[in-house]
Amino acid sequence: QVKVVESGGGLVQAGGSLRLSCSVSGLTFHGYAMAWFRQAPGKEREAVSYINYNSGTTDYADSVKGRFTISRDNAKSTLYLQMNSLKLEDTAMYYCAAAGDPRPWTAENEYRYWGQGTLVTVSS
């Protein structure tokens, strides 16, 4: 079956950096668009970043634009999120998700496969 596993979360200081990874198996990775979502304590889950099947298109939430970079390595069936200049408000559980061709990319219900999440905590 499909397995989606995030890693790389942890505790970092504000202004620091962290790189999340998402390893996918049981799925033709290069045929799927991928995205990162996050859910902060007491808040709704929100879309963070998106990348299409061949890295030709990326998109970001306004709140992370210029600070986060999404990328993928189809040969390794792995998705990444490089997070720089982290802020306290970036604290959240981060989820990796896969979709065929999500429209809009921010719609949770467009994503068929989800990971269990990796926790990012940003401290002052």
C-alpha atoms as a PDB file:
ATOM      1  CA  GLN A   1       0.000   0.000   0.000  1.00  0.00           C
ATOM      2  CA  VAL A   2       0.931   3.641  -0.242  1.00  0.00           C
ATOM      3  CA  LYS A   3       3.184   4.925   2.481  1.00  0.00           C
ATOM      4  CA  VAL A   4       3.924   8.589   3.085  1.00  0.00           C
ATOM      5  CA  VAL A   5       6.397   9.392   5.843  1.00  0.00           C
ATOM      6  CA  GLU A   6       7.537  12.841   6.907  1.00  0.00           C
ATOM      7  CA  SER A   7      10.721  13.492   8.816  1.00  0.00           C
ATOM      8  CA  GLY A   8      12.979  16.345   9.828  1.00  0.00           C
ATOM      9  CA  GLY A   9      10.802  18.156  12.303  1.00  0.00           C
ATOM     10  CA  GLY A  10      12.119  19.330  15.615  1.00  0.00           C
ATOM     11  CA  LEU A  11      12.777  22.272  17.869  1.00  0.00           C
ATOM     12  CA  VAL A  12      14.491  25.293  16.349  1.00  0.00           C
ATOM     13  CA  GLN A  13      15.015  28.880  17.390  1.00  0.00           C
ATOM     14  CA  ALA A  14      13.310  31.746  15.619  1.00  0.00           C
ATOM     15  CA  GLY A  15      15.413  32.793  12.674  1.00  0.00           C
ATOM     16  CA  GLY A  16      16.775  29.314  12.231  1.00  0.00           C
ATOM     17  CA  SER A  17      16.329  26.774   9.483  1.00  0.00           C
ATOM     18  CA  LEU A  18      15.000  23.278   9.120  1.00  0.00           C
ATOM     19  CA  ARG A  19      14.515  20.916   6.207  1.00  0.00           C
ATOM     20  CA  LEU A  20      11.596  18.537   6.136  1.00  0.00           C
ATOM     21  CA  SER A  21      11.553  15.400   4.036  1.00  0.00           C
ATOM     22  CA  CYS A  22       8.708  13.224   2.843  1.00  0.00           C
ATOM     23  CA  SER A  23       9.434   9.729   1.624  1.00  0.00           C
ATOM     24  CA  VAL A  24       6.771   8.112  -0.545  1.00  0.00           C
ATOM     25  CA  SER A  25       6.417   4.480  -1.532  1.00  0.00           C
ATOM     26  CA  GLY A  26       3.778   2.293  -3.141  1.00  0.00           C
ATOM     27  CA  LEU A  27       2.892   5.071  -5.538  1.00  0.00           C
ATOM     28  CA  THR A  28       4.159   6.287  -8.894  1.00  0.00           C
ATOM     29  CA  PHE A  29       5.715   9.338  -7.329  1.00  0.00           C
ATOM     30  CA  HIS A  30       6.537  11.200 -10.527  1.00  0.00           C
ATOM     31  CA  GLY A  31       2.875  11.076 -11.527  1.00  0.00           C
ATOM     32  CA  TYR A  32       1.660  13.007  -8.502  1.00  0.00           C
ATOM     33  CA  ALA A  33       1.633  16.576  -7.417  1.00  0.00           C
ATOM     34  CA  MET A  34       2.784  17.035  -3.857  1.00  0.00           C
ATOM     35  CA  ALA A  35       2.111  19.572  -1.164  1.00  0.00           C
ATOM     36  CA  TRP A  36       2.902  20.479   2.381  1.00  0.00           C
ATOM     37  CA  PHE A  37       0.147  21.394   4.797  1.00  0.00           C
ATOM     38  CA  ARG A  38       0.436  22.403   8.411  1.00  0.00           C
ATOM     39  CA  GLN A  39      -1.755  22.685  11.447  1.00  0.00           C
ATOM     40  CA  ALA A  40      -0.838  24.924  14.329  1.00  0.00           C
ATOM     41  CA  PRO A  41      -2.263  24.430  17.809  1.00  0.00           C
ATOM     42  CA  GLY A  42      -5.874  25.590  17.941  1.00  0.00           C
ATOM     43  CA  LYS A  43      -5.975  26.453  14.251  1.00  0.00           C
ATOM     44  CA  GLU A  44      -7.270  24.905  11.062  1.00  0.00           C
ATOM     45  CA  ARG A  45      -4.995  23.007   8.741  1.00  0.00           C
ATOM     46  CA  GLU A  46      -3.603  25.227   6.012  1.00  0.00           C
ATOM     47  CA  ALA A  47      -1.805  24.717   2.735  1.00  0.00           C
ATOM     48  CA  VAL A  48       1.844  25.731   2.868  1.00  0.00           C
ATOM     49  CA  SER A  49       3.418  24.857  -0.458  1.00  0.00           C
ATOM     50  CA  TYR A  50       2.843  22.913  -3.646  1.00  0.00           C
ATOM     51  CA  ILE A  51       4.930  21.372  -6.385  1.00  0.00           C
ATOM     52  CA  ASN A  52       3.683  19.693  -9.520  1.00  0.00           C
ATOM     53  CA  TYR A  53       4.755  16.321 -10.829  1.00  0.00           C
ATOM     54  CA  ASN A  54       7.940  17.459 -12.585  1.00  0.00           C
ATOM     55  CA  SER A  55       8.862  20.527 -10.486  1.00  0.00           C
ATOM     56  CA  GLY A  56       7.686  22.826 -13.261  1.00  0.00           C
ATOM     57  CA  THR A  57       5.267  24.636 -10.988  1.00  0.00           C
ATOM     58  CA  THR A  58       5.508  25.631  -7.349  1.00  0.00           C
ATOM     59  CA  ASP A  59       3.342  27.738  -5.119  1.00  0.00           C
ATOM     60  CA  TYR A  60       3.417  28.989  -1.561  1.00  0.00           C
ATOM     61  CA  ALA A  61       1.183  30.440   1.056  1.00  0.00           C
ATOM     62  CA  ASP A  62       1.785  34.157   1.451  1.00  0.00           C
ATOM     63  CA  SER A  63       2.899  33.587   5.016  1.00  0.00           C
ATOM     64  CA  VAL A  64       5.910  31.523   3.945  1.00  0.00           C
ATOM     65  CA  LYS A  65       6.761  33.038   0.582  1.00  0.00           C
ATOM     66  CA  GLY A  66      10.412  33.978   0.376  1.00  0.00           C
ATOM     67  CA  ARG A  67      11.300  31.873   3.394  1.00  0.00           C
ATOM     68  CA  PHE A  68      10.339  28.335   2.404  1.00  0.00           C
ATOM     69  CA  THR A  69      11.364  26.380  -0.671  1.00  0.00           C
ATOM     70  CA  ILE A  70       9.654  23.231  -1.860  1.00  0.00           C
ATOM     71  CA  SER A  71      11.478  20.707  -4.013  1.00  0.00           C
ATOM     72  CA  ARG A  72      11.293  17.081  -5.028  1.00  0.00           C
ATOM     73  CA  ASP A  73      13.582  14.325  -6.202  1.00  0.00           C
ATOM     74  CA  ASN A  74      11.541  11.968  -8.323  1.00  0.00           C
ATOM     75  CA  ALA A  75      14.385   9.468  -8.558  1.00  0.00           C
ATOM     76  CA  LYS A  76      14.295   9.169  -4.768  1.00  0.00           C
ATOM     77  CA  SER A  77      10.513   9.518  -4.446  1.00  0.00           C
ATOM     78  CA  THR A  78      11.118  12.228  -1.895  1.00  0.00           C
ATOM     79  CA  LEU A  79       9.620  15.643  -1.277  1.00  0.00           C
ATOM     80  CA  TYR A  80      11.402  18.383   0.646  1.00  0.00           C
ATOM     81  CA  LEU A  81      10.578  21.631   2.350  1.00  0.00           C
ATOM     82  CA  GLN A  82      13.466  23.912   3.168  1.00  0.00           C
ATOM     83  CA  MET A  83      12.359  26.327   5.863  1.00  0.00           C
ATOM     84  CA  ASN A  84      14.480  29.382   6.563  1.00  0.00           C
ATOM     85  CA  SER A  85      14.010  32.427   8.777  1.00  0.00           C
ATOM     86  CA  LEU A  86      11.593  30.493  10.916  1.00  0.00           C
ATOM     87  CA  LYS A  87       9.073  32.386  12.986  1.00  0.00           C
ATOM     88  CA  LEU A  88       7.151  31.456  16.095  1.00  0.00           C
ATOM     89  CA  GLU A  89       3.988  31.265  14.016  1.00  0.00           C
ATOM     90  CA  ASP A  90       5.527  28.508  11.901  1.00  0.00           C
ATOM     91  CA  THR A  91       5.098  26.154  14.831  1.00  0.00           C
ATOM     92  CA  ALA A  92       2.804  23.388  13.609  1.00  0.00           C
ATOM     93  CA  MET A  93       2.453  19.796  12.639  1.00  0.00           C
ATOM     94  CA  TYR A  94       3.558  19.583   9.024  1.00  0.00           C
ATOM     95  CA  TYR A  95       1.923  17.093   6.685  1.00  0.00           C
ATOM     96  CA  CYS A  96       2.958  15.800   3.298  1.00  0.00           C
ATOM     97  CA  ALA A  97       0.220  14.966   0.799  1.00  0.00           C
ATOM     98  CA  ALA A  98      -0.094  13.629  -2.746  1.00  0.00           C
ATOM     99  CA  ALA A  99      -2.708  14.425  -5.383  1.00  0.00           C
ATOM    100  CA  GLY A 100      -3.269  13.680  -9.044  1.00  0.00           C
ATOM    101  CA  ASP A 101      -3.790  17.238 -10.237  1.00  0.00           C
ATOM    102  CA  PRO A 102      -5.171  19.357  -7.422  1.00  0.00           C
ATOM    103  CA  ARG A 103      -7.336  22.320  -8.326  1.00  0.00           C
ATOM    104  CA  PRO A 104      -6.937  24.444  -6.412  1.00  0.00           C
ATOM    105  CA  TRP A 105      -3.704  23.200  -4.943  1.00  0.00           C
ATOM    106  CA  THR A 106      -4.788  24.372  -1.519  1.00  0.00           C
ATOM    107  CA  ALA A 107      -7.829  22.095  -1.336  1.00  0.00           C
ATOM    108  CA  GLU A 108      -7.289  19.343   1.187  1.00  0.00           C
ATOM    109  CA  ASN A 109      -9.909  17.130  -0.409  1.00  0.00           C
ATOM    110  CA  GLU A 110      -7.897  17.008  -3.624  1.00  0.00           C
ATOM    111  CA  TYR A 111      -5.154  15.025  -1.897  1.00  0.00           C
ATOM    112  CA  ARG A 112      -5.591  11.298  -1.747  1.00  0.00           C
ATOM    113  CA  TYR A 113      -2.570  10.291   0.301  1.00  0.00           C
ATOM    114  CA  TRP A 114      -1.291  11.839   3.512  1.00  0.00           C
ATOM    115  CA  GLY A 115       1.544  11.311   5.895  1.00  0.00           C
ATOM    116  CA  GLN A 116       1.254  11.231   9.653  1.00  0.00           C
ATOM    117  CA  GLY A 117       2.960  14.572  10.141  1.00  0.00           C
ATOM    118  CA  THR A 118       6.186  15.835  11.626  1.00  0.00           C
ATOM    119  CA  LEU A 119       6.193  18.432  14.369  1.00  0.00           C
ATOM    120  CA  VAL A 120       8.039  21.718  13.976  1.00  0.00           C
ATOM    121  CA  THR A 121       8.394  23.870  17.066  1.00  0.00           C
ATOM    122  CA  VAL A 122       9.946  27.314  16.805  1.00  0.00           C
ATOM    123  CA  SER A 123      11.118  28.908  20.024  1.00  0.00           C
ATOM    124  CA  SER A 124      12.050  32.483  20.837  1.00  0.00           C
END
